């Protein structure tokens, strides 16, 4: 499936997405988890702190696909289903241990998919806003970014990126 499919689905679920959130999704779709797990113990501590502070919510999807390879597993939905948080952390770690052959060209291709959706009026900003924003991002080195403040306030994202191939029947 084309990246546009996943991006359209995310904007339907999360209408507060900003340009920064599109960049974040592109980056995650291409490079996965690798940048988030340099210190496993620190990541585990952070995960469990976030998990404990996240209220259970059965009304949101357990996972949201963001590419052919990756999905975002919602902590609130995981918690509402009384699934083992240790298992989710291990899925996250296992996802980070896969080598991701993504390239900056792949990232640019995701951004081009986003640009096509912007041109069609599907995303909540214009090409005049997007083009200089993306050029600045490229010139800055194309590093991972956080969610925008607007997105964080509206959506309260709490998830872990996991390879879809690691999900088993009782999770998916």
C-alpha atoms as a PDB file:
ATOM      1  CA  UNK A   1       0.000   0.000   0.000  1.00  0.00           C
ATOM      2  CA  UNK A   2       1.113   3.521  -0.752  1.00  0.00           C
ATOM      3  CA  UNK A   3       2.151   5.711   2.198  1.00  0.00           C
ATOM      4  CA  UNK A   4      -0.715   8.075   1.297  1.00  0.00           C
ATOM      5  CA  UNK A   5      -3.192   5.447   2.493  1.00  0.00           C
ATOM      6  CA  UNK A   6      -1.640   5.418   5.973  1.00  0.00           C
ATOM      7  CA  UNK A   7      -1.347   9.182   6.133  1.00  0.00           C
ATOM      8  CA  UNK A   8      -5.024   9.645   5.149  1.00  0.00           C
ATOM      9  CA  UNK A   9      -6.009   7.165   7.847  1.00  0.00           C
ATOM     10  CA  UNK A  10      -3.958   9.021  10.468  1.00  0.00           C
ATOM     11  CA  UNK A  11      -5.473  12.403   9.593  1.00  0.00           C
ATOM     12  CA  UNK A  12      -8.937  10.851   9.949  1.00  0.00           C
ATOM     13  CA  UNK A  13      -8.025   9.507  13.397  1.00  0.00           C
ATOM     14  CA  UNK A  14      -6.030  12.577  14.445  1.00  0.00           C
ATOM     15  CA  UNK A  15      -7.319  15.730  12.715  1.00  0.00           C
ATOM     16  CA  UNK A  16      -4.984  17.937  14.756  1.00  0.00           C
ATOM     17  CA  UNK A  17      -1.931  16.684  12.816  1.00  0.00           C
ATOM     18  CA  UNK A  18       0.486  19.447  11.926  1.00  0.00           C
ATOM     19  CA  UNK A  19       3.395  19.459   9.469  1.00  0.00           C
ATOM     20  CA  UNK A  20       5.750  18.340  12.234  1.00  0.00           C
ATOM     21  CA  UNK A  21       3.507  15.323  12.943  1.00  0.00           C
ATOM     22  CA  UNK A  22       3.535  14.365   9.269  1.00  0.00           C
ATOM     23  CA  UNK A  23       7.346  14.513   9.320  1.00  0.00           C
ATOM     24  CA  UNK A  24       7.391  12.366  12.469  1.00  0.00           C
ATOM     25  CA  UNK A  25       5.146   9.775  10.840  1.00  0.00           C
ATOM     26  CA  UNK A  26       7.276   9.760   7.670  1.00  0.00           C
ATOM     27  CA  UNK A  27      10.401   9.250   9.748  1.00  0.00           C
ATOM     28  CA  UNK A  28       8.853   6.441  11.790  1.00  0.00           C
ATOM     29  CA  UNK A  29       7.457   4.754   8.675  1.00  0.00           C
ATOM     30  CA  UNK A  30      10.888   4.717   7.053  1.00  0.00           C
ATOM     31  CA  UNK A  31      13.324   4.231   9.943  1.00  0.00           C
ATOM     32  CA  UNK A  32      11.183   2.621  12.627  1.00  0.00           C
ATOM     33  CA  UNK A  33      12.281   2.504  16.241  1.00  0.00           C
ATOM     34  CA  UNK A  34      16.065   2.492  15.912  1.00  0.00           C
ATOM     35  CA  UNK A  35      16.638   6.046  17.181  1.00  0.00           C
ATOM     36  CA  UNK A  36      14.660   5.462  20.388  1.00  0.00           C
ATOM     37  CA  UNK A  37      16.550   2.651  22.033  1.00  0.00           C
ATOM     38  CA  UNK A  38      20.143   3.643  22.689  1.00  0.00           C
ATOM     39  CA  UNK A  39      19.753   2.851  26.417  1.00  0.00           C
ATOM     40  CA  UNK A  40      17.385  -0.082  27.035  1.00  0.00           C
ATOM     41  CA  UNK A  41      17.109   0.400  30.805  1.00  0.00           C
ATOM     42  CA  UNK A  42      16.363   4.104  30.484  1.00  0.00           C
ATOM     43  CA  UNK A  43      13.810   3.347  27.741  1.00  0.00           C
ATOM     44  CA  UNK A  44      12.178   0.735  29.977  1.00  0.00           C
ATOM     45  CA  UNK A  45      11.969   3.145  32.889  1.00  0.00           C
ATOM     46  CA  UNK A  46      10.442   5.807  30.646  1.00  0.00           C
ATOM     47  CA  UNK A  47       8.002   3.293  29.153  1.00  0.00           C
ATOM     48  CA  UNK A  48       6.681   2.114  32.514  1.00  0.00           C
ATOM     49  CA  UNK A  49       6.389   5.671  33.831  1.00  0.00           C
ATOM     50  CA  UNK A  50       4.375   6.645  30.761  1.00  0.00           C
ATOM     51  CA  UNK A  51       2.331   3.423  30.888  1.00  0.00           C
ATOM     52  CA  UNK A  52       1.366   3.952  34.539  1.00  0.00           C
ATOM     53  CA  UNK A  53       0.320   7.555  33.906  1.00  0.00           C
ATOM     54  CA  UNK A  54      -1.762   6.698  30.834  1.00  0.00           C
ATOM     55  CA  UNK A  55      -5.441   6.081  31.618  1.00  0.00           C
ATOM     56  CA  UNK A  56      -6.992   2.966  30.095  1.00  0.00           C
ATOM     57  CA  UNK A  57      -9.223   3.664  27.103  1.00  0.00           C
ATOM     58  CA  UNK A  58     -11.036   0.862  25.279  1.00  0.00           C
ATOM     59  CA  UNK A  59     -12.607   3.241  22.737  1.00  0.00           C
ATOM     60  CA  UNK A  60      -9.405   3.862  20.761  1.00  0.00           C
ATOM     61  CA  UNK A  61      -7.775   1.372  18.395  1.00  0.00           C
ATOM     62  CA  UNK A  62      -5.236  -1.002  19.896  1.00  0.00           C
ATOM     63  CA  UNK A  63      -2.899  -0.263  17.016  1.00  0.00           C
ATOM     64  CA  UNK A  64      -2.705   2.142  14.108  1.00  0.00           C
ATOM     65  CA  UNK A  65      -0.733   1.089  11.013  1.00  0.00           C
ATOM     66  CA  UNK A  66       1.563   3.844   9.745  1.00  0.00           C
ATOM     67  CA  UNK A  67       3.287   1.864   6.967  1.00  0.00           C
ATOM     68  CA  UNK A  68       3.535  -1.614   5.507  1.00  0.00           C
ATOM     69  CA  UNK A  69       6.056  -2.421   8.248  1.00  0.00           C
ATOM     70  CA  UNK A  70       5.163  -0.445  11.383  1.00  0.00           C
ATOM     71  CA  UNK A  71       2.205   0.363  13.587  1.00  0.00           C
ATOM     72  CA  UNK A  72       1.699   2.492  16.661  1.00  0.00           C
ATOM     73  CA  UNK A  73       0.381   0.473  19.616  1.00  0.00           C
ATOM     74  CA  UNK A  74      -1.732   2.701  21.867  1.00  0.00           C
ATOM     75  CA  UNK A  75      -0.821   2.325  25.528  1.00  0.00           C
ATOM     76  CA  UNK A  76      -4.328   3.297  26.689  1.00  0.00           C
ATOM     77  CA  UNK A  77      -5.959   0.601  24.543  1.00  0.00           C
ATOM     78  CA  UNK A  78      -3.344  -1.977  25.577  1.00  0.00           C
ATOM     79  CA  UNK A  79      -4.023  -1.173  29.208  1.00  0.00           C
ATOM     80  CA  UNK A  80      -7.824  -1.317  28.727  1.00  0.00           C
ATOM     81  CA  UNK A  81      -7.480  -4.833  27.331  1.00  0.00           C
ATOM     82  CA  UNK A  82      -5.386  -5.859  30.371  1.00  0.00           C
ATOM     83  CA  UNK A  83      -2.508  -6.974  28.160  1.00  0.00           C
ATOM     84  CA  UNK A  84       0.939  -7.416  29.703  1.00  0.00           C
ATOM     85  CA  UNK A  85       2.923  -4.139  29.542  1.00  0.00           C
ATOM     86  CA  UNK A  86       6.186  -6.110  29.691  1.00  0.00           C
ATOM     87  CA  UNK A  87       5.161  -7.842  26.453  1.00  0.00           C
ATOM     88  CA  UNK A  88       4.567  -4.500  24.756  1.00  0.00           C
ATOM     89  CA  UNK A  89       7.959  -3.240  25.863  1.00  0.00           C
ATOM     90  CA  UNK A  90       9.594  -6.413  24.515  1.00  0.00           C
ATOM     91  CA  UNK A  91       7.769  -6.003  21.179  1.00  0.00           C
ATOM     92  CA  UNK A  92       9.143  -2.465  21.059  1.00  0.00           C
ATOM     93  CA  UNK A  93      12.685  -3.716  21.792  1.00  0.00           C
ATOM     94  CA  UNK A  94      12.384  -6.523  19.239  1.00  0.00           C
ATOM     95  CA  UNK A  95      11.223  -3.962  16.673  1.00  0.00           C
ATOM     96  CA  UNK A  96      14.305  -1.855  17.362  1.00  0.00           C
ATOM     97  CA  UNK A  97      16.574  -4.865  16.874  1.00  0.00           C
ATOM     98  CA  UNK A  98      15.517  -5.345  13.247  1.00  0.00           C
ATOM     99  CA  UNK A  99      17.688  -3.498  10.801  1.00  0.00           C
ATOM    100  CA  UNK A 100      15.597  -1.010   8.887  1.00  0.00           C
ATOM    101  CA  UNK A 101      16.920  -0.438   5.379  1.00  0.00           C
ATOM    102  CA  UNK A 102      15.200   2.944   5.052  1.00  0.00           C
ATOM    103  CA  UNK A 103      17.005   5.798   3.347  1.00  0.00           C
ATOM    104  CA  UNK A 104      16.629   9.543   3.018  1.00  0.00           C
ATOM    105  CA  UNK A 105      15.261   8.873  -0.460  1.00  0.00           C
ATOM    106  CA  UNK A 106      12.493   6.790   1.159  1.00  0.00           C
ATOM    107  CA  UNK A 107      11.846   9.647   3.565  1.00  0.00           C
ATOM    108  CA  UNK A 108      11.633  12.082   0.636  1.00  0.00           C
ATOM    109  CA  UNK A 109       9.179   9.734  -1.091  1.00  0.00           C
ATOM    110  CA  UNK A 110       6.945   9.740   1.993  1.00  0.00           C
ATOM    111  CA  UNK A 111       7.119  13.527   2.025  1.00  0.00           C
ATOM    112  CA  UNK A 112       6.137  13.586  -1.672  1.00  0.00           C
ATOM    113  CA  UNK A 113       3.096  11.442  -0.806  1.00  0.00           C
ATOM    114  CA  UNK A 114       2.212  13.970   1.870  1.00  0.00           C
ATOM    115  CA  UNK A 115       2.657  16.794  -0.636  1.00  0.00           C
ATOM    116  CA  UNK A 116       0.154  15.161  -3.007  1.00  0.00           C
ATOM    117  CA  UNK A 117      -2.408  14.958  -0.184  1.00  0.00           C
ATOM    118  CA  UNK A 118      -1.754  18.595   0.712  1.00  0.00           C
ATOM    119  CA  UNK A 119      -2.349  19.586  -2.923  1.00  0.00           C
ATOM    120  CA  UNK A 120      -5.702  17.753  -2.802  1.00  0.00           C
ATOM    121  CA  UNK A 121      -6.682  19.600   0.391  1.00  0.00           C
ATOM    122  CA  UNK A 122      -6.683  16.441   2.518  1.00  0.00           C
ATOM    123  CA  UNK A 123      -4.122  17.706   5.037  1.00  0.00           C
ATOM    124  CA  UNK A 124      -4.827  20.852   7.100  1.00  0.00           C
ATOM    125  CA  UNK A 125      -2.104  23.081   5.634  1.00  0.00           C
ATOM    126  CA  UNK A 126      -1.106  24.457   2.259  1.00  0.00           C
ATOM    127  CA  UNK A 127       1.729  23.714  -0.145  1.00  0.00           C
ATOM    128  CA  UNK A 128       2.939  27.282   0.490  1.00  0.00           C
ATOM    129  CA  UNK A 129       3.382  26.330   4.160  1.00  0.00           C
ATOM    130  CA  UNK A 130       4.667  22.787   3.558  1.00  0.00           C
ATOM    131  CA  UNK A 131       7.393  23.382   0.975  1.00  0.00           C
ATOM    132  CA  UNK A 132       9.587  25.775   3.008  1.00  0.00           C
ATOM    133  CA  UNK A 133       8.947  23.727   6.141  1.00  0.00           C
ATOM    134  CA  UNK A 134      10.149  20.539   4.460  1.00  0.00           C
ATOM    135  CA  UNK A 135      13.152  22.276   2.848  1.00  0.00           C
ATOM    136  CA  UNK A 136      14.178  23.557   6.310  1.00  0.00           C
ATOM    137  CA  UNK A 137      13.761  20.035   7.732  1.00  0.00           C
ATOM    138  CA  UNK A 138      15.963  18.581   4.964  1.00  0.00           C
ATOM    139  CA  UNK A 139      18.583  21.305   5.470  1.00  0.00           C
ATOM    140  CA  UNK A 140      18.549  20.576   9.203  1.00  0.00           C
ATOM    141  CA  UNK A 141      19.631  16.978   8.592  1.00  0.00           C
ATOM    142  CA  UNK A 142      16.321  15.062   8.528  1.00  0.00           C
ATOM    143  CA  UNK A 143      16.437  13.978  12.165  1.00  0.00           C
ATOM    144  CA  UNK A 144      13.581  12.479  14.185  1.00  0.00           C
ATOM    145  CA  UNK A 145      11.177  15.054  15.606  1.00  0.00           C
ATOM    146  CA  UNK A 146       8.630  15.099  18.431  1.00  0.00           C
ATOM    147  CA  UNK A 147       4.911  15.563  17.954  1.00  0.00           C
ATOM    148  CA  UNK A 148       3.791  19.170  17.674  1.00  0.00           C
ATOM    149  CA  UNK A 149       2.425  20.905  20.765  1.00  0.00           C
ATOM    150  CA  UNK A 150      -0.987  21.173  19.102  1.00  0.00           C
ATOM    151  CA  UNK A 151      -1.059  17.424  18.422  1.00  0.00           C
ATOM    152  CA  UNK A 152       0.166  16.532  21.921  1.00  0.00           C
ATOM    153  CA  UNK A 153      -2.482  18.699  23.575  1.00  0.00           C
ATOM    154  CA  UNK A 154      -5.351  17.501  21.371  1.00  0.00           C
ATOM    155  CA  UNK A 155      -4.437  13.831  20.955  1.00  0.00           C
ATOM    156  CA  UNK A 156      -2.446  12.960  24.090  1.00  0.00           C
ATOM    157  CA  UNK A 157      -0.345  10.422  22.147  1.00  0.00           C
ATOM    158  CA  UNK A 158       0.972   7.506  24.180  1.00  0.00           C
ATOM    159  CA  UNK A 159       2.130   4.655  21.986  1.00  0.00           C
ATOM    160  CA  UNK A 160       5.041   2.474  21.019  1.00  0.00           C
ATOM    161  CA  UNK A 161       6.147   1.767  17.500  1.00  0.00           C
ATOM    162  CA  UNK A 162       6.162  -1.958  16.712  1.00  0.00           C
ATOM    163  CA  UNK A 163       6.829  -4.026  13.597  1.00  0.00           C
ATOM    164  CA  UNK A 164       3.500  -5.398  12.399  1.00  0.00           C
ATOM    165  CA  UNK A 165       5.109  -8.781  11.706  1.00  0.00           C
ATOM    166  CA  UNK A 166       5.700  -9.244  15.450  1.00  0.00           C
ATOM    167  CA  UNK A 167       2.015  -8.975  16.381  1.00  0.00           C
ATOM    168  CA  UNK A 168       0.244 -12.249  17.059  1.00  0.00           C
ATOM    169  CA  UNK A 169      -3.422 -13.155  16.702  1.00  0.00           C
ATOM    170  CA  UNK A 170      -4.524 -12.304  20.238  1.00  0.00           C
ATOM    171  CA  UNK A 171      -3.022  -8.822  19.897  1.00  0.00           C
ATOM    172  CA  UNK A 172      -4.012  -7.946  16.357  1.00  0.00           C
END
